[in-house]
Protein backbone atom coordinates (compact mmCIF):
# COMPACT_ATOMS: atom_id res chain seq x y z
CA CYS A 1 230.81 103.05 144.56
CA LEU A 2 232.24 106.32 145.83
CA ALA A 3 232.82 109.46 143.75
CA ILE A 4 234.93 112.39 144.94
CA ASP A 5 234.61 115.84 143.37
CA LEU A 6 238.00 117.62 143.33
CA SER A 7 236.89 120.63 141.29
CA GLU A 8 236.94 122.92 144.34
CA ALA A 9 240.09 121.48 145.91
CA GLY A 10 242.41 124.16 144.49
CA LEU A 11 244.32 121.70 142.31
CA ASP A 12 244.02 123.62 139.03
CA TYR A 13 247.39 125.37 138.67
CA ILE A 14 250.79 125.47 137.00
CA LYS A 15 253.35 126.99 139.36
CA ASP A 16 257.01 127.90 139.18
CA VAL A 17 258.32 127.10 142.68
CA GLY A 18 262.02 127.77 142.21
CA ASP A 19 263.86 124.65 141.08
CA GLU A 20 260.67 122.86 140.05
CA ILE A 21 257.41 123.28 138.19
CA GLU A 22 254.25 122.00 139.88
CA ILE A 23 251.13 121.02 137.94
CA GLY A 24 247.93 120.47 139.92
CA SER A 25 246.02 117.30 139.12
CA MET A 26 242.88 119.22 138.10
CA THR A 27 244.75 121.27 135.48
CA SER A 28 243.17 120.84 132.07
CA LEU A 29 245.08 119.50 129.10
CA ARG A 30 244.29 122.76 127.33
CA SER A 31 246.05 124.69 130.10
CA LEU A 32 249.12 122.51 129.60
CA GLU A 33 248.95 123.14 125.87
CA THR A 34 248.91 126.93 126.24
CA SER A 35 251.12 127.41 129.33
CA ASN A 36 254.01 129.83 128.89
CA ILE A 37 255.62 128.49 132.08
CA LEU A 38 255.84 124.99 130.63
CA LYS A 39 257.03 126.23 127.25
CA GLU A 40 259.76 128.41 128.76
CA ASN A 41 261.10 125.55 130.89
CA PHE A 42 260.55 122.46 128.75
CA GLY A 43 260.04 123.68 125.21
CA ASP A 44 257.15 122.16 123.24
CA ILE A 45 257.24 118.59 124.57
CA ILE A 46 254.21 118.92 126.82
CA ARG A 47 252.22 120.92 124.29
CA ASP A 48 253.02 118.39 121.58
CA SER A 49 251.97 115.50 123.84
CA VAL A 50 248.43 116.89 124.32
CA LYS A 51 247.63 118.84 121.16
CA HIS A 52 246.29 115.82 119.24
CA ILE A 53 243.84 114.73 121.94
CA ILE A 54 240.36 114.86 120.30
CA GLY A 55 239.67 118.62 120.22
CA VAL A 56 239.94 121.87 122.16
CA GLN A 57 236.58 121.36 123.88
CA LEU A 58 237.63 118.04 125.35
CA ARG A 59 241.13 119.26 126.23
CA SER A 60 239.48 122.13 128.12
CA ILE A 61 237.70 119.73 130.49
CA ALA A 62 239.97 116.66 130.58
CA THR A 63 242.54 116.86 133.39
CA ILE A 64 246.15 115.73 133.55
CA GLY A 65 245.46 114.04 136.89
CA ALA A 66 242.92 111.69 135.35
CA THR A 67 245.25 110.38 132.66
CA VAL A 68 248.28 110.08 134.94
CA TYR A 69 246.51 108.47 137.89
CA SER A 70 244.77 105.96 135.61
CA ARG A 71 248.07 105.08 133.87
CA TYR A 72 246.40 104.72 130.50
CA GLY A 73 248.53 102.87 127.97
CA PHE A 74 247.41 105.22 125.19
CA SER A 75 248.34 108.36 127.15
CA ASP A 76 250.66 110.66 125.20
CA PRO A 77 251.08 113.06 128.17
CA ILE A 78 252.43 110.22 130.31
CA THR A 79 255.03 109.45 127.64
CA GLY A 80 256.20 113.07 127.70
CA LEU A 81 256.23 113.35 131.50
CA LEU A 82 258.17 110.10 131.82
CA ALA A 83 260.93 111.44 129.58
CA LEU A 84 261.03 114.57 131.75
CA ASP A 85 261.59 112.34 134.81
CA ALA A 86 258.49 113.74 136.53
CA ASP A 87 257.42 112.92 140.08
CA ILE A 88 253.87 112.63 141.34
CA CYS A 89 252.52 113.54 144.77
CA LEU A 90 249.74 111.42 146.28
CA TYR A 91 247.61 112.42 149.26
CA HIS A 92 248.48 109.28 151.23
CA GLY A 93 251.41 107.89 149.27
CA GLY A 94 253.51 111.05 149.20
CA ARG A 95 256.00 111.88 146.48
CA LEU A 96 257.33 109.20 144.15
CA LYS A 97 258.76 108.83 140.68
CA LEU A 98 256.20 108.59 137.90
CA GLU A 99 258.35 105.79 136.52
CA ASP A 100 257.90 103.78 139.73
CA TYR A 101 254.17 104.48 139.86
CA LEU A 102 253.74 103.15 136.32
CA LYS A 103 255.39 99.87 137.32
CA GLU A 104 252.93 99.19 140.15
CA GLU A 105 250.41 96.39 139.80
CA GLY A 106 246.81 96.88 140.83
CA HIS A 107 245.23 100.21 141.74
CA ARG A 108 246.01 102.49 144.66
CA ARG A 109 243.16 103.93 146.71
CA ASP A 110 244.58 107.44 146.86
CA ILE A 111 244.27 110.92 145.38
CA LEU A 112 246.78 112.44 142.99
CA GLU A 113 247.51 115.98 144.14
CA LYS A 114 250.15 117.24 141.71
CA ILE A 115 252.90 116.45 139.22
CA VAL A 116 256.37 117.88 139.78
CA ILE A 117 259.08 118.37 137.17
CA LYS A 118 262.58 119.58 137.95
CA LYS A 119 263.92 122.51 135.92
CA SER A 120 266.90 120.46 134.77
CA ILE A 121 265.68 119.89 131.21
CA LYS A 122 268.01 121.31 128.59
CA SER A 123 265.98 120.21 125.55
CA ALA A 124 263.16 117.78 124.82
CA ALA A 125 261.15 116.36 121.92
CA PHE A 126 257.94 114.42 121.39
CA GLU A 127 257.25 112.28 118.31
CA THR A 128 254.14 110.33 117.41
CA ILE A 129 252.45 108.45 114.60
CA ARG A 130 248.66 108.22 114.33
CA ASN A 131 246.14 107.35 111.64
CA SER A 132 244.47 110.76 111.85
CA ALA A 133 245.12 114.03 113.65
CA VAL A 134 242.80 113.31 116.59
CA ASP A 135 243.07 109.50 116.74
CA TYR A 136 244.90 107.69 119.51
CA ALA A 137 248.60 107.26 118.79
CA ILE A 138 249.89 104.12 117.12
CA LEU A 139 253.16 104.83 118.93
CA SER A 140 254.61 107.78 120.82
CA VAL A 141 258.20 108.56 121.75
CA ALA A 142 259.67 111.30 123.92
CA ALA A 143 263.29 112.20 124.62
CA ALA A 144 264.76 114.76 126.99
CA LYS A 145 268.26 115.96 127.77
CA THR A 146 268.56 116.31 131.54
CA GLU A 147 271.43 117.08 133.91
CA THR A 148 272.02 113.35 134.31
CA GLY A 149 271.79 112.48 130.61
CA ILE A 150 269.33 111.65 127.87
CA ARG A 151 266.02 110.00 128.80
CA ILE A 152 263.88 108.13 126.26
CA SER A 153 260.30 106.93 126.83
CA ILE A 154 258.01 104.99 124.53
CA GLY A 155 254.23 104.82 124.91
CA ALA A 156 251.12 103.52 123.15
CA ARG A 157 252.93 100.22 122.57
CA PRO A 158 249.88 99.86 123.30
CA GLN A 159 250.85 99.16 126.93
CA ARG A 160 251.87 101.79 129.49
CA ALA A 161 254.77 104.05 128.61
CA MET A 162 258.19 102.78 129.66
CA PRO A 163 261.74 104.13 129.56
CA ALA A 164 264.01 102.54 126.96
CA LYS A 165 266.88 102.02 129.40
CA LYS A 166 269.27 100.10 127.19
CA ALA A 167 268.87 102.71 124.47
CA MET A 168 269.46 105.42 127.08
CA ASP A 169 272.63 103.73 128.31
CA TYR A 170 273.92 103.50 124.76
CA ILE A 171 273.19 107.07 123.68
CA ASN A 172 274.54 108.52 126.94
CA GLY A 173 277.87 106.89 126.13
CA ASN A 174 278.07 108.30 122.60
CA PRO A 175 277.71 111.67 120.88
CA ILE A 176 274.37 112.01 119.11
CA ASP A 177 274.53 111.90 115.33
CA GLU A 178 272.63 110.13 112.54
CA GLU A 179 274.42 106.84 113.15
CA THR A 180 274.18 106.71 116.94
CA ALA A 181 270.57 107.95 116.97
CA ALA A 182 269.64 105.18 114.53
CA LYS A 183 271.47 102.61 116.67
CA ALA A 184 269.64 103.78 119.79
CA GLY A 185 266.37 103.34 117.90
CA GLU A 186 267.30 99.76 117.03
CA ILE A 187 268.17 99.02 120.66
CA ALA A 188 264.86 100.49 121.86
CA ALA A 189 263.01 98.38 119.29
CA GLU A 190 264.57 95.22 120.68
CA GLU A 191 264.37 95.91 124.41
CA LEU A 192 260.66 96.73 124.74
CA HIS A 193 257.58 94.68 123.91
CA TYR A 194 255.26 95.99 121.20
CA GLY A 195 251.74 94.62 121.12
CA SER A 196 249.00 94.63 118.50
CA ASN A 197 245.56 96.21 118.43
CA ASN A 198 243.19 97.66 115.82
CA ARG A 199 245.60 100.56 115.15
CA GLY A 200 248.65 98.54 114.30
CA SER A 201 250.57 95.33 114.75
CA GLY A 202 253.39 94.76 117.17
CA ALA A 203 255.79 94.33 114.27
CA TYR A 204 254.72 97.67 112.79
CA ARG A 205 255.15 99.44 116.13
CA LYS A 206 258.59 97.90 116.53
CA GLU A 207 259.69 99.33 113.19
CA LEU A 208 258.12 102.71 114.00
CA SER A 209 260.05 102.88 117.27
CA LYS A 210 263.35 102.85 115.40
CA VAL A 211 262.32 105.88 113.35
CA LEU A 212 260.69 107.87 116.15
CA VAL A 213 263.54 107.35 118.62
CA LYS A 214 266.03 108.50 116.01
CA ARG A 215 263.94 111.60 115.24
CA ALA A 216 263.52 112.51 118.89
CA LEU A 217 267.22 112.13 119.67
CA LEU A 218 268.28 114.24 116.70
CA GLU A 219 265.79 116.89 117.80
CA VAL A 220 267.15 117.12 121.36
CA SER A 221 270.71 117.26 120.05
CA LYS A 222 270.12 120.51 118.13
């Protein structure tokens, strides 16, 4: 086994670099939660995607790089970043879409350097259901209004977060209201697979997705 200590690699930062925001892989979840830069550019979506993770002490030491690189299925931050159409930068692999990285099979032997989000987000929302405030999510949903249209991601299915592309295609062709938001939720429920674990059944998650997608879309339409 080989362990690499990145604590002194200068990867703990949140930077405004013009048209983009860069987040170093060693940035703590607590720093994401309290960052004014992230709030000013993306609203509360990133804060809301980390604030339920165990407690402040853990969020102060857990890093965003660890959860993104490992592609955890239960990761709320990944769900939020996927809706924001984030990119990741790998030491060997270079820059690529987070969405593409999540689709990869197997594990890369590489180092995640940073996460990059374009400043094209007009509004965003994060919705989740969990059994208790600090438990893992039963289901999480994020939506963001970007320059190219609405993006919707669903995580804790309990598999890796994925974009709900058919729901996105539908809602981007219609004005958002109660009826269309509900319809998009129904489409998302049908297009993705929802599995079962000790937190909930696949059928329960499927029903939850309809509600959470509707809520997130109505929130970004305000």
